[in-house]
Amino acid sequence: MNHILVVDDEAEIRSSLEEILREEGYGVATAATAAEALVLVRDAPYEVVLLDIWLPDRDGLEVLAEIHAIDAQARPEVVIISGHGTIETAVKATKLGAFDFLEKPLSLDRTLIVLKNAVDARRLRNENLEFRRQFGVGSGLTGESVPLKALRQQIRLMAPTNGRVLIYGESGTGKELIARAIHAESLRRDHVFVELNCAAIPEDHIEAELFGYRHGAQPGGPSEQRGTLERADGGSLFLDEVGDMSLKTQAKVLSALDDQVFTPVGGAQPIRIDARVIASTNKDLEEEIAKGNFREDLFYRLNVVPFFVPPLRERKQDIPPLAREFLADFGRQYGRPRMEISEEALETLAKYHWPGNVRELKNVIERVMILNPRALRIERKHLPPLTHKSGSQTVGEFSTLQQARDAYEREYILKKIEEARNNMSRAAELLGLERSHLYRKMKALGIGLRE
């Protein structure tokens, strides 16, 4: 269901539009002031906002500008309505990002056509954003190792089906990227991909996030909010780290999966959806079942098509292409010239055991680029000392006490620079050094100076 927000200070217009649009199958919310409208837009996603240009507390064009500043994927399309429309006002509204401009008294036929076009435009915009996000540089699916080729083949084979998927893998292996790739190859690729990180949401909020709520069920919040299940209707719902979900929530998810029907928190009317569920976990769920931490019946509902994402240490031949890809990606982000990476540096990266997997490799490449702004080629000396160690080895890499001491100092300084968010004055304070002394120390240890 597409949701429309009607913003107008005339109660009669709000009421008539709400009645008409509900009959046309839209979900409708209304607001009489700019302040109320902005709260609703920020707290609940809408496809389109019908916005009166004359509001009692603010000019409608100012509200339009604020809405247009919202993140592109969450931002609704805005259609301006006015009883005193001029060409100049229409042009200004269009420049500020309005999708269209309607004059009062509203023509019902034209209003419905404009709304349909606005909904379609927002869907296409979000699909394009999603496509770029899924297949942008740094996807983590780069490489030609046997495990990665097998994973790609499995995605091509299973994605077009409607079976529920459970993705297993250590933290940082790219489980979300696999989920997005499955969605992109599926029959639902023209619809939304909605993600819920079960480990990041507090226990007392996760039900509202999943099922949404109605009629002020959340004190201090808006009157209603659609949950991730409702927003995923027609598309794919990704439950990230599902093993961290409480038993109470697991029971409700199980019921929703069985019937594809649920009732929002505080609501009375059940909602029917059609969403493909993709879940992921870094835990051994069969072990969690034995401990009483995970429902066996939910496990069997989710584990229809299991995917296993290999850790980076099991596909080390993918490290060089991944490192080069991340270098190119961050080079574009930071406006830097093209950077190369030496074979010695790549060999060092390949020897490291990567407990944080692809995410750790990406972070290391970004750190190296930030801390060596003048370098055009990444050498072994630019890498954090931790990556110089292979397997579980801790000190065998160093032949002298001075080498070990330098490596420790270099890593400690880099850590403090990260804590200071690359503010060198703050980093010097954390280290108990004068800024000039810190720069001399960095130069001596081969740490690139920031411009």
Protein backbone atom coordinates (compact mmCIF):
# COMPACT_ATOMS: atom_id res chain seq x y z
CA MET A 1 0.00 0.00 0.00
CA ASN A 2 1.25 3.50 -0.90
CA HIS A 3 0.98 6.17 1.80
CA ILE A 4 0.06 9.82 1.25
CA LEU A 5 0.37 12.72 3.69
CA VAL A 6 -2.13 15.56 3.15
CA VAL A 7 -0.99 18.89 4.62
CA ASP A 8 -3.60 21.66 4.55
CA ASP A 9 -4.97 24.05 7.18
CA GLU A 10 -8.55 23.63 5.90
CA ALA A 11 -10.21 20.74 7.71
CA GLU A 12 -12.75 20.22 4.93
CA ILE A 13 -10.04 19.73 2.29
CA ARG A 14 -8.13 17.32 4.53
CA SER A 15 -11.25 15.31 5.24
CA SER A 16 -12.45 15.08 1.62
CA LEU A 17 -8.99 14.18 0.28
CA GLU A 18 -8.54 11.54 2.97
CA GLU A 19 -11.89 9.94 2.11
CA ILE A 20 -11.26 9.96 -1.65
CA LEU A 21 -7.70 8.67 -1.43
CA ARG A 22 -8.62 5.86 0.95
CA GLU A 23 -11.28 4.74 -1.52
CA GLU A 24 -8.53 4.67 -4.16
CA GLY A 25 -6.49 2.27 -2.01
CA TYR A 26 -3.99 4.70 -0.47
CA GLY A 27 -3.02 4.88 3.18
CA VAL A 28 -3.61 8.48 4.27
CA ALA A 29 -2.42 10.67 7.13
CA THR A 30 -3.21 14.37 7.54
CA ALA A 31 -1.62 17.43 9.13
CA ALA A 32 -2.89 20.99 9.61
CA THR A 33 0.45 22.71 10.27
CA ALA A 34 4.01 22.66 8.97
CA ALA A 35 5.36 21.56 12.35
CA GLU A 36 3.03 18.55 12.50
CA ALA A 37 3.81 17.63 8.89
CA LEU A 38 7.58 17.66 9.41
CA VAL A 39 7.29 15.41 12.47
CA LEU A 40 5.21 12.90 10.48
CA VAL A 41 7.55 12.94 7.47
CA ARG A 42 10.61 12.30 9.63
CA ASP A 43 8.99 9.55 11.72
CA ALA A 44 7.13 7.55 9.06
CA PRO A 45 7.85 7.00 5.37
CA TYR A 46 5.39 8.40 2.82
CA GLU A 47 5.46 8.04 -0.93
CA VAL A 48 3.90 11.47 -1.59
CA VAL A 49 3.14 14.63 0.39
CA LEU A 50 0.29 16.85 -0.84
CA LEU A 51 1.45 20.19 0.57
CA ASP A 52 -0.57 23.39 0.76
CA ILE A 53 1.58 26.44 0.08
CA TRP A 54 -0.23 28.61 2.67
CA LEU A 55 0.09 27.19 6.20
CA PRO A 56 -0.60 29.00 9.48
CA ASP A 57 2.87 28.56 10.99
CA ARG A 58 5.23 28.50 7.96
CA ASP A 59 5.44 29.04 4.25
CA GLY A 60 4.87 25.81 2.32
CA LEU A 61 7.95 26.39 0.16
CA GLU A 62 10.12 26.41 3.30
CA VAL A 63 8.59 23.06 4.30
CA LEU A 64 9.26 21.75 0.79
CA ALA A 65 12.94 22.72 1.10
CA GLU A 66 13.21 20.86 4.44
CA ILE A 67 11.56 17.75 3.05
CA HIS A 68 13.86 17.82 0.02
CA ALA A 69 16.88 17.82 2.36
CA ILE A 70 15.88 14.40 3.75
CA ASP A 71 17.97 11.39 2.69
CA ALA A 72 17.07 10.54 -0.92
CA GLN A 73 15.85 7.00 -0.23
CA ALA A 74 13.51 8.09 2.59
CA ARG A 75 12.34 11.31 0.94
CA PRO A 76 8.76 11.47 -0.38
CA GLU A 77 7.77 13.21 -3.57
CA VAL A 78 6.04 16.55 -2.87
CA VAL A 79 3.08 17.91 -4.81
CA ILE A 80 2.31 21.57 -4.03
CA ILE A 81 -1.34 22.65 -3.86
CA SER A 82 -2.45 26.29 -3.78
CA GLY A 83 -5.52 28.43 -4.24
CA HIS A 84 -3.41 31.40 -5.30
CA GLY A 85 -1.07 29.79 -7.78
CA THR A 86 1.12 31.81 -10.11
CA ILE A 87 3.63 30.75 -12.72
CA GLU A 88 6.39 32.29 -10.62
CA THR A 89 5.38 30.23 -7.57
CA ALA A 90 5.13 27.04 -9.62
CA VAL A 91 8.60 27.59 -11.08
CA LYS A 92 10.07 28.28 -7.63
CA ALA A 93 8.44 25.14 -6.20
CA THR A 94 9.83 23.03 -9.05
CA LYS A 95 13.33 24.41 -8.48
CA LEU A 96 13.04 23.49 -4.80
CA GLY A 97 12.23 19.88 -5.77
CA ALA A 98 8.43 19.72 -6.05
CA PHE A 99 7.20 16.93 -8.30
CA ASP A 100 4.19 18.92 -9.55
CA PHE A 101 1.88 21.85 -8.77
CA LEU A 102 -1.92 21.65 -8.40
CA GLU A 103 -4.29 24.60 -8.23
CA LYS A 104 -7.40 24.79 -6.06
CA PRO A 105 -10.17 23.87 -6.49
CA LEU A 106 -8.55 20.51 -7.12
CA SER A 107 -9.59 18.44 -10.12
CA LEU A 108 -10.09 14.90 -8.82
CA ASP A 109 -8.95 13.24 -12.05
CA ARG A 110 -5.82 15.36 -12.34
CA THR A 111 -5.00 14.90 -8.66
CA LEU A 112 -5.18 11.11 -8.95
CA ILE A 113 -3.06 11.08 -12.11
CA VAL A 114 -0.39 13.30 -10.52
CA LEU A 115 -0.34 11.14 -7.38
CA LYS A 116 0.08 7.94 -9.41
CA ASN A 117 2.93 9.51 -11.39
CA ALA A 118 4.58 10.76 -8.19
CA VAL A 119 4.38 7.31 -6.59
CA ASP A 120 5.91 5.74 -9.71
CA ALA A 121 8.66 8.38 -9.83
CA ARG A 122 9.61 7.76 -6.19
CA ARG A 123 9.68 3.99 -6.76
CA LEU A 124 11.96 4.36 -9.78
CA ARG A 125 14.24 6.78 -7.90
CA ASN A 126 14.61 4.35 -5.02
CA GLU A 127 15.17 1.40 -7.34
CA ASN A 128 18.01 3.30 -9.02
CA LEU A 129 19.53 4.21 -5.66
CA GLU A 130 19.20 0.62 -4.52
CA PHE A 131 20.75 -0.70 -7.72
CA ARG A 132 23.76 1.59 -7.32
CA ARG A 133 24.10 0.57 -3.69
CA GLN A 134 23.90 -3.14 -4.50
CA PHE A 135 26.32 -3.11 -7.37
CA GLY A 136 28.58 -0.18 -6.48
CA VAL A 137 32.32 -0.50 -6.03
CA GLY A 138 33.25 -2.20 -2.79
CA SER A 139 30.48 -4.76 -2.88
CA GLY A 140 32.72 -7.39 -1.29
CA LEU A 141 31.69 -9.99 -3.88
CA THR A 142 34.83 -9.32 -5.90
CA GLY A 143 37.16 -12.22 -6.49
CA GLU A 144 37.62 -15.47 -8.40
CA SER A 145 38.30 -17.94 -5.58
CA VAL A 146 36.53 -21.30 -5.72
CA PRO A 147 34.34 -20.55 -2.62
CA LEU A 148 33.21 -17.22 -4.07
CA LYS A 149 32.46 -18.70 -7.49
CA ALA A 150 30.37 -21.40 -5.80
CA LEU A 151 28.50 -18.75 -3.82
CA ARG A 152 27.74 -16.73 -6.95
CA GLN A 153 26.46 -19.87 -8.67
CA GLN A 154 24.20 -20.63 -5.72
CA ILE A 155 22.80 -17.08 -5.84
CA ARG A 156 22.01 -17.40 -9.56
CA LEU A 157 20.33 -20.76 -8.95
CA MET A 158 18.27 -19.97 -5.85
CA ALA A 159 17.51 -16.24 -6.11
CA PRO A 160 14.67 -16.59 -8.68
CA THR A 161 12.78 -18.94 -6.33
CA ASN A 162 10.55 -17.71 -3.50
CA GLY A 163 12.17 -19.88 -0.83
CA ARG A 164 13.22 -18.35 2.47
CA VAL A 165 16.96 -18.00 2.84
CA LEU A 166 19.20 -18.26 5.91
CA ILE A 167 22.73 -16.90 5.42
CA TYR A 168 25.47 -18.16 7.75
CA GLY A 169 28.78 -16.39 8.14
CA GLU A 170 31.17 -14.70 10.53
CA SER A 171 30.86 -10.97 11.22
CA GLY A 172 32.25 -8.88 8.40
CA THR A 173 31.97 -11.54 5.67
CA GLY A 174 29.31 -9.62 3.76
CA LYS A 175 26.06 -11.40 4.65
CA GLU A 176 24.03 -8.27 3.88
CA LEU A 177 25.66 -8.02 0.46
CA ILE A 178 24.66 -11.62 -0.27
CA ALA A 179 21.09 -10.82 0.79
CA ARG A 180 21.01 -7.82 -1.54
CA ALA A 181 22.44 -9.88 -4.39
CA ILE A 182 19.72 -12.52 -3.86
CA HIS A 183 17.05 -9.79 -3.97
CA ALA A 184 18.57 -8.22 -7.08
CA GLU A 185 18.50 -11.57 -8.92
CA SER A 186 15.00 -12.45 -7.71
CA LEU A 187 11.56 -11.97 -9.24
CA ARG A 188 11.02 -9.24 -6.62
CA ARG A 189 13.90 -7.07 -7.83
CA ASP A 190 11.48 -4.33 -8.96
CA HIS A 191 10.22 -3.97 -5.39
CA VAL A 192 11.79 -2.89 -2.11
CA PHE A 193 14.55 -4.47 -0.06
CA VAL A 194 13.98 -3.70 3.64
CA GLU A 195 16.54 -4.48 6.33
CA LEU A 196 16.14 -4.93 10.09
CA ASN A 197 19.25 -5.45 12.23
CA CYS A 198 17.93 -7.62 15.06
CA ALA A 199 21.11 -7.11 17.12
CA ALA A 200 21.01 -3.30 16.98
CA ILE A 201 17.45 -2.67 18.19
CA PRO A 202 16.59 -2.71 21.92
CA GLU A 203 14.32 -5.54 23.03
CA ASP A 204 11.47 -3.18 23.98
CA HIS A 205 11.49 -1.60 20.48
CA ILE A 206 11.94 -4.53 18.13
CA GLU A 207 8.24 -5.50 17.96
CA ALA A 208 7.28 -1.94 17.00
CA GLU A 209 10.05 -1.93 14.39
CA LEU A 210 8.88 -5.23 12.93
CA PHE A 211 5.10 -4.82 13.08
CA GLY A 212 4.66 -1.05 13.33
CA TYR A 213 2.19 0.60 15.69
CA ARG A 214 -1.10 2.44 15.65
CA HIS A 215 -2.95 5.09 17.63
CA GLY A 216 -0.20 6.33 19.89
CA ALA A 217 0.97 2.89 21.05
CA GLN A 218 4.43 4.45 21.39
CA PRO A 219 4.28 7.36 23.91
CA GLY A 220 5.64 10.58 22.47
CA GLY A 221 5.75 9.19 18.93
CA PRO A 222 3.54 9.78 15.89
CA SER A 223 0.02 8.36 15.80
CA GLU A 224 1.12 5.48 13.61
CA GLN A 225 4.19 3.98 12.01
CA ARG A 226 4.57 1.20 9.48
CA GLY A 227 6.89 -1.58 10.52
CA THR A 228 9.50 -3.30 8.39
CA LEU A 229 7.16 -6.17 7.56
CA GLU A 230 4.56 -3.84 6.08
CA ARG A 231 7.16 -1.79 4.21
CA ALA A 232 8.60 -5.00 2.72
CA ASP A 233 5.26 -5.95 1.13
CA GLY A 234 5.92 -7.19 -2.40
CA GLY A 235 9.68 -7.19 -1.88
CA SER A 236 12.28 -8.79 0.41
CA LEU A 237 12.70 -8.48 4.17
CA PHE A 238 16.24 -9.01 5.48
CA LEU A 239 16.45 -10.00 9.17
CA ASP A 240 20.13 -9.43 9.94
CA GLU A 241 21.59 -11.39 12.90
CA VAL A 242 18.29 -13.14 13.57
CA GLY A 243 19.96 -15.23 16.27
CA ASP A 244 19.93 -12.17 18.54
CA MET A 245 16.12 -11.93 18.51
CA SER A 246 14.38 -12.70 21.83
CA LEU A 247 12.23 -15.81 22.22
CA LYS A 248 9.13 -13.62 22.69
CA THR A 249 9.73 -11.83 19.38
CA GLN A 250 10.64 -15.12 17.67
CA ALA A 251 7.16 -16.45 18.50
CA LYS A 252 5.47 -13.46 16.87
CA VAL A 253 7.74 -13.61 13.82
CA LEU A 254 6.93 -17.31 13.46
CA SER A 255 3.21 -16.53 13.39
CA ALA A 256 3.69 -13.75 10.84
CA LEU A 257 5.80 -16.01 8.60
CA ASP A 258 3.27 -18.83 8.68
CA ASP A 259 0.31 -16.75 7.54
CA GLN A 260 1.97 -13.59 6.15
CA VAL A 261 -0.53 -11.78 8.39
CA PHE A 262 0.19 -9.67 11.48
CA THR A 263 -1.38 -6.96 13.61
CA PRO A 264 0.54 -3.75 14.43
CA VAL A 265 1.21 -2.94 18.08
CA GLY A 266 -1.90 -1.19 19.39
CA GLY A 267 -3.79 -1.94 16.18
CA ALA A 268 -7.03 -3.82 15.65
CA GLN A 269 -6.97 -4.64 11.95
CA PRO A 270 -4.64 -7.43 10.75
CA ILE A 271 -2.45 -6.68 7.74
CA ARG A 272 -1.71 -9.21 5.00
CA ILE A 273 1.60 -8.99 3.17
CA ASP A 274 3.63 -10.84 0.59
CA ALA A 275 7.34 -10.60 1.42
CA ARG A 276 10.25 -12.96 0.92
CA VAL A 277 12.22 -13.36 4.14
CA ILE A 278 16.01 -13.53 4.04
CA ALA A 279 17.74 -13.95 7.41
CA SER A 280 21.37 -14.05 8.50
CA THR A 281 23.30 -15.14 11.57
CA ASN A 282 26.87 -15.41 12.82
CA LYS A 283 25.78 -17.99 15.39
CA ASP A 284 25.35 -21.76 15.24
CA LEU A 285 21.55 -21.79 15.48
CA GLU A 286 21.35 -25.54 16.13
CA GLU A 287 23.61 -24.98 19.14
CA GLU A 288 21.39 -22.04 20.20
CA ILE A 289 18.35 -24.33 19.92
CA ALA A 290 20.03 -26.85 22.22
CA LYS A 291 20.68 -24.05 24.73
CA GLY A 292 17.05 -22.95 24.57
CA ASN A 293 17.91 -19.60 22.99
CA PHE A 294 16.27 -20.15 19.60
CA ARG A 295 13.00 -21.72 18.54
CA GLU A 296 13.40 -24.91 16.56
CA ASP A 297 10.19 -24.32 14.59
CA LEU A 298 11.36 -20.85 13.52
CA PHE A 299 14.72 -22.30 12.50
CA TYR A 300 13.04 -24.74 10.11
CA ARG A 301 10.86 -21.96 8.68
CA LEU A 302 13.91 -19.81 7.92
CA ASN A 303 16.38 -22.51 6.92
CA VAL A 304 14.69 -23.48 3.64
CA VAL A 305 17.68 -22.42 1.51
CA PRO A 306 20.92 -22.18 3.55
CA PHE A 307 23.84 -20.08 2.28
CA PHE A 308 27.32 -20.27 3.79
CA VAL A 309 29.57 -17.24 3.30
CA PRO A 310 33.24 -18.23 3.58
CA PRO A 311 35.55 -16.15 5.82
CA LEU A 312 38.22 -14.13 4.05
CA ARG A 313 40.99 -16.41 5.35
CA GLU A 314 39.47 -19.22 3.25
CA ARG A 315 39.58 -17.20 0.02
CA LYS A 316 42.87 -15.37 0.27
CA GLN A 317 43.33 -15.13 -3.48
CA ASP A 318 40.46 -12.61 -3.42
CA ILE A 319 42.41 -10.22 -1.15
CA PRO A 320 44.43 -8.48 -3.94
CA PRO A 321 41.41 -7.63 -6.15
CA LEU A 322 39.42 -6.57 -3.10
CA ALA A 323 42.24 -4.31 -1.87
CA ARG A 324 42.58 -2.69 -5.31
CA GLU A 325 38.81 -2.20 -5.53
CA PHE A 326 38.66 -0.55 -2.10
CA LEU A 327 41.61 1.69 -3.02
CA ALA A 328 39.85 2.85 -6.17
CA ASP A 329 36.57 3.37 -4.30
CA PHE A 330 38.09 5.45 -1.49
CA GLY A 331 40.22 7.34 -4.01
CA ARG A 332 37.02 8.54 -5.66
CA GLN A 333 35.40 9.33 -2.32
CA TYR A 334 38.34 11.43 -1.12
CA GLY A 335 39.17 12.98 -4.49
CA ARG A 336 42.62 11.40 -4.56
CA PRO A 337 44.77 10.45 -7.58
CA ARG A 338 44.78 6.80 -8.57
CA MET A 339 46.81 4.80 -6.03
CA GLU A 340 48.68 1.57 -6.63
CA ILE A 341 49.59 -1.11 -4.10
CA SER A 342 52.89 -2.97 -4.15
CA GLU A 343 53.18 -6.73 -4.46
CA GLU A 344 54.97 -6.84 -1.10
CA ALA A 345 52.04 -5.05 0.54
CA LEU A 346 49.59 -7.47 -1.09
CA GLU A 347 51.63 -10.44 0.11
CA THR A 348 51.54 -9.01 3.63
CA LEU A 349 47.78 -8.60 3.47
CA ALA A 350 47.39 -12.16 2.17
CA LYS A 351 49.36 -13.61 5.11
CA TYR A 352 47.19 -11.94 7.73
CA HIS A 353 44.32 -14.06 9.15
CA TRP A 354 41.61 -11.30 8.98
CA PRO A 355 39.41 -12.03 12.01
CA GLY A 356 37.18 -9.11 10.91
CA ASN A 357 36.96 -10.47 7.34
CA VAL A 358 36.14 -8.21 4.35
CA ARG A 359 34.94 -5.38 6.61
CA GLU A 360 38.34 -5.32 8.37
CA LEU A 361 40.20 -5.27 5.05
CA LYS A 362 38.07 -2.37 3.86
CA ASN A 363 38.72 -0.44 7.08
CA VAL A 364 42.47 -1.05 6.81
CA ILE A 365 42.57 0.26 3.23
CA GLU A 366 40.60 3.37 4.21
CA ARG A 367 42.89 4.01 7.18
CA VAL A 368 46.01 3.66 5.06
CA MET A 369 44.65 6.10 2.47
CA ILE A 370 43.64 8.69 5.09
CA LEU A 371 46.94 8.56 6.96
CA ASN A 372 49.14 8.65 3.86
CA PRO A 373 47.66 11.50 1.80
CA ARG A 374 50.80 12.07 -0.32
CA ALA A 375 51.42 8.43 -1.20
CA LEU A 376 50.71 7.31 -4.77
CA ARG A 377 51.66 3.73 -4.01
CA ILE A 378 50.84 1.73 -0.89
CA GLU A 379 53.92 -0.06 0.43
CA ARG A 380 54.27 -2.61 3.21
CA LYS A 381 55.49 0.09 5.61
CA HIS A 382 52.18 1.94 5.24
CA LEU A 383 50.16 -1.03 6.53
CA PRO A 384 49.20 -1.26 10.24
CA PRO A 385 51.65 -3.47 12.16
CA LEU A 386 48.85 -5.86 13.05
CA THR A 387 48.58 -6.93 9.41
CA HIS A 388 52.29 -7.83 9.41
CA LYS A 389 51.47 -10.80 11.60
CA SER A 390 50.34 -14.05 10.03
CA GLY A 391 47.95 -16.47 11.70
CA SER A 392 48.06 -16.22 15.48
CA GLN A 393 51.73 -15.17 15.50
CA THR A 394 52.38 -12.14 17.68
CA VAL A 395 56.09 -11.42 17.89
CA GLY A 396 57.85 -13.84 15.55
CA GLU A 397 57.69 -11.27 12.75
CA PHE A 398 60.27 -9.05 14.47
CA SER A 399 63.98 -9.83 14.55
CA THR A 400 64.96 -7.13 17.06
CA LEU A 401 63.47 -5.50 20.14
CA GLN A 402 63.57 -2.10 18.37
CA GLN A 403 61.43 -3.44 15.49
CA ALA A 404 58.85 -4.75 17.94
CA ARG A 405 58.86 -1.46 19.89
CA ASP A 406 58.45 0.59 16.70
CA ALA A 407 55.60 -1.61 15.52
CA TYR A 408 53.80 -1.24 18.85
CA GLU A 409 54.29 2.55 18.89
CA ARG A 410 53.08 2.88 15.31
CA GLU A 411 49.93 0.87 16.00
CA TYR A 412 49.26 2.79 19.23
CA ILE A 413 49.62 6.15 17.51
CA LEU A 414 47.35 5.08 14.65
CA LYS A 415 44.74 3.95 17.19
CA LYS A 416 44.82 7.31 18.99
CA ILE A 417 44.57 9.19 15.68
CA GLU A 418 41.47 7.15 14.89
CA GLU A 419 40.02 7.89 18.34
CA ALA A 420 40.60 11.59 17.69
CA ARG A 421 38.80 11.30 14.32
CA ASN A 422 42.03 12.38 12.56
CA ASN A 423 42.23 15.63 14.55
CA MET A 424 46.00 15.81 15.06
CA SER A 425 45.85 18.31 17.94
CA ARG A 426 43.42 16.05 19.81
CA ALA A 427 45.54 12.97 19.01
CA ALA A 428 48.61 14.71 20.46
CA GLU A 429 46.64 15.41 23.65
CA LEU A 430 45.57 11.76 23.94
CA LEU A 431 49.19 10.68 23.52
CA GLY A 432 50.53 13.28 25.96
CA LEU A 433 52.78 14.79 23.29
CA GLU A 434 53.31 18.19 21.74
CA ARG A 435 51.84 18.32 18.25
CA SER A 436 55.29 18.95 16.73
CA HIS A 437 56.69 15.96 18.65
CA LEU A 438 53.85 13.80 17.32
CA TYR A 439 54.65 14.78 13.74
CA ARG A 440 58.34 13.94 14.25
CA LYS A 441 57.38 10.60 15.75
CA MET A 442 55.06 9.82 12.85
CA LYS A 443 57.76 10.67 10.34
CA ALA A 444 60.28 8.45 12.11
CA LEU A 445 57.82 5.54 12.18
CA GLY A 446 56.84 5.91 8.51
CA ILE A 447 53.31 7.17 9.20
CA GLY A 448 52.23 9.58 6.47
CA LEU A 449 51.55 13.15 7.54
CA ARG A 450 48.14 14.65 6.84
CA GLU A 451 47.94 17.60 4.50
